[in-house]
Protein backbone atom coordinates (compact mmCIF):
# COMPACT_ATOMS: atom_id res chain seq x y z
CA MET A 1 114.42 66.50 98.13
CA LYS A 2 116.71 64.99 100.47
CA LYS A 3 119.44 66.38 102.68
CA ARG A 4 122.85 65.71 103.35
CA ARG A 5 125.13 67.32 106.34
CA VAL A 6 128.36 68.47 104.99
CA GLY A 7 130.64 68.67 108.33
CA THR A 8 129.86 65.40 110.38
CA ILE A 9 132.84 63.16 108.79
CA SER A 10 135.44 66.08 109.30
CA MET A 11 134.60 66.44 112.47
CA GLY A 12 134.97 62.83 113.26
CA ILE A 13 138.08 63.15 111.28
CA VAL A 14 139.14 66.25 113.61
CA LEU A 15 138.51 64.51 116.70
CA ILE A 16 140.44 61.64 116.00
CA ALA A 17 143.23 63.11 114.73
CA PHE A 18 143.53 65.88 117.09
CA GLY A 19 143.30 63.02 119.70
CA VAL A 20 146.52 61.13 117.68
CA LEU A 21 148.01 64.70 118.16
CA ILE A 22 148.19 65.21 121.56
CA PHE A 23 148.69 61.08 122.68
CA ILE A 24 152.00 61.94 120.59
CA ALA A 25 152.44 65.23 121.94
CA GLN A 26 152.63 63.68 125.33
CA VAL A 27 154.52 60.15 124.50
CA ASN A 28 157.39 62.26 122.55
CA SER A 29 157.98 64.96 124.39
CA ILE A 30 156.66 67.26 121.01
CA SER A 31 155.14 70.78 121.85
CA ALA A 32 150.55 69.94 121.36
CA ILE A 33 151.13 73.89 120.34
CA ASN A 34 153.73 73.92 117.93
CA LEU A 35 151.63 70.75 115.65
CA SER A 36 148.30 72.63 116.52
CA ILE A 37 149.54 75.38 115.45
CA LYS A 38 151.45 73.73 112.02
CA PHE A 39 148.30 71.61 110.99
CA TRP A 40 145.20 73.26 112.40
CA PRO A 41 144.56 74.44 108.25
CA ILE A 42 143.93 70.54 107.32
CA ILE A 43 140.67 71.51 109.36
CA LEU A 44 139.47 73.82 106.94
CA PHE A 45 141.12 71.12 104.11
CA LEU A 46 138.69 68.81 105.19
CA ILE A 47 135.20 70.57 105.51
CA GLY A 48 136.41 72.09 101.79
CA GLY A 49 136.70 68.20 100.39
CA GLU A 50 133.65 66.77 102.45
CA ILE A 51 131.46 70.05 100.51
CA LEU A 52 133.32 68.87 97.19
CA TRP A 53 132.75 65.07 97.66
CA TYR A 54 128.84 65.86 98.67
CA SER A 55 128.83 68.17 95.87
CA TYR A 56 130.44 65.68 93.17
CA LYS A 57 129.27 62.47 93.69
CA TYR A 58 125.26 63.70 94.29
CA ARG A 59 125.86 65.99 90.97
CA ASP A 60 122.99 64.55 88.92
CA GLU A 61 120.41 64.36 91.99
CA ASP A 62 117.94 66.12 93.54
CA ILE A 63 120.35 67.02 96.73
CA ASN A 64 120.25 70.00 98.96
CA ILE A 65 123.59 69.78 101.27
CA LYS A 66 122.69 71.54 104.47
CA TYR A 67 125.81 72.10 106.30
CA ASP A 68 125.68 70.92 109.97
CA VAL A 69 127.23 74.00 111.51
CA PHE A 70 126.85 72.18 114.74
CA SER A 71 130.18 70.07 114.00
CA VAL A 72 132.24 73.10 112.32
CA PHE A 73 131.38 74.68 115.81
CA ILE A 74 132.01 72.05 118.29
CA VAL A 75 134.71 70.89 115.82
CA LEU A 76 136.69 74.33 116.76
CA LEU A 77 135.33 74.63 120.58
CA ILE A 78 137.66 71.81 120.94
CA VAL A 79 140.37 72.53 118.96
CA VAL A 80 140.39 76.07 121.25
CA ILE A 81 140.14 74.78 124.54
CA ASN A 82 142.60 72.15 123.75
CA LEU A 83 144.94 74.79 122.91
CA GLY A 84 144.19 76.33 125.57
CA ILE A 85 144.99 73.85 127.91
CA TYR A 86 148.36 72.76 126.48
CA GLY A 87 149.42 76.64 126.51
CA ILE A 88 148.50 76.83 130.07
CA VAL A 89 150.78 72.85 130.68
CA GLU A 90 153.49 74.22 128.35
CA THR A 91 154.44 78.01 129.81
CA GLY A 92 154.49 76.67 133.30
CA VAL A 93 151.49 78.31 134.75
CA ALA A 94 149.93 74.96 135.20
CA SER A 95 153.47 73.74 137.37
CA LYS A 96 153.34 76.60 139.69
CA VAL A 97 149.46 76.49 140.32
CA ILE A 98 149.84 72.87 141.66
CA SER A 99 153.01 73.83 143.26
CA THR A 100 151.25 77.13 145.18
CA ILE A 101 148.63 74.88 146.03
CA SER A 102 150.54 71.87 147.09
CA SER A 103 153.32 73.68 148.74
CA GLU A 104 153.69 74.65 153.23
CA SER A 105 155.62 76.32 154.95
CA PHE A 106 156.64 76.24 158.31
CA THR A 107 158.07 78.99 160.13
CA PHE A 108 160.20 78.10 163.18
CA LYS A 109 161.99 80.50 166.18
CA ILE A 110 165.72 78.74 166.40
CA PRO A 111 167.70 79.98 169.07
CA TYR A 112 169.76 83.33 168.88
CA ARG A 113 173.40 82.04 169.21
CA GLU A 114 176.58 83.84 168.47
CA ILE A 115 180.09 81.84 167.73
CA GLU A 116 183.07 83.49 167.48
CA ILE A 117 185.15 82.72 164.50
CA GLY A 118 188.69 83.14 163.55
CA ASN A 119 190.66 85.46 161.37
CA ASN A 120 192.09 82.07 159.77
CA ILE A 121 188.26 81.45 158.17
CA GLU A 122 188.21 81.79 155.28
CA LYS A 123 184.64 80.42 153.86
CA ILE A 124 181.54 78.66 155.87
CA ILE A 125 179.29 76.71 154.13
CA VAL A 126 175.82 75.67 155.49
CA GLU A 127 174.23 72.90 154.32
CA VAL A 128 170.44 72.65 154.10
CA PRO A 129 167.61 70.42 153.46
CA ARG A 130 166.74 70.22 149.48
CA HIS A 131 163.54 72.18 149.85
CA CYS A 132 164.01 74.51 152.31
CA LYS A 133 164.28 78.26 151.56
CA LEU A 134 167.26 79.62 154.32
CA ASN A 135 167.10 83.78 153.96
CA MET A 136 170.45 84.52 156.27
CA ARG A 137 171.34 87.81 157.23
CA SER A 138 174.39 89.54 158.70
């Protein structure tokens, strides 16, 4: 009695499709999360189709169809991990972590100085460099 493993072909197709999906999401700035959420049931169609195909192709032979549970598990694990990574990236958590890690803070003591301003001045503009945080108190 021969054994046929069901799930290996589906795993290969899912890995290729998921790679294409991520590539398209990166090139076109489309949300990989939204695409993955919309198209994840295709994995079930692929595995079910592969089971039906093996059952139909070898219906007259004495063949034991064995489900490749490891392949199915690996495919689902890869999909969940990639969705998690893209979720972190697309929600902005990754950019906040990167900016927190790469930021530096400097404190300078500036001499205290008071300037008399006449009554005819209505507005004061203070220009600071772009990435500076300026705290002003009256």
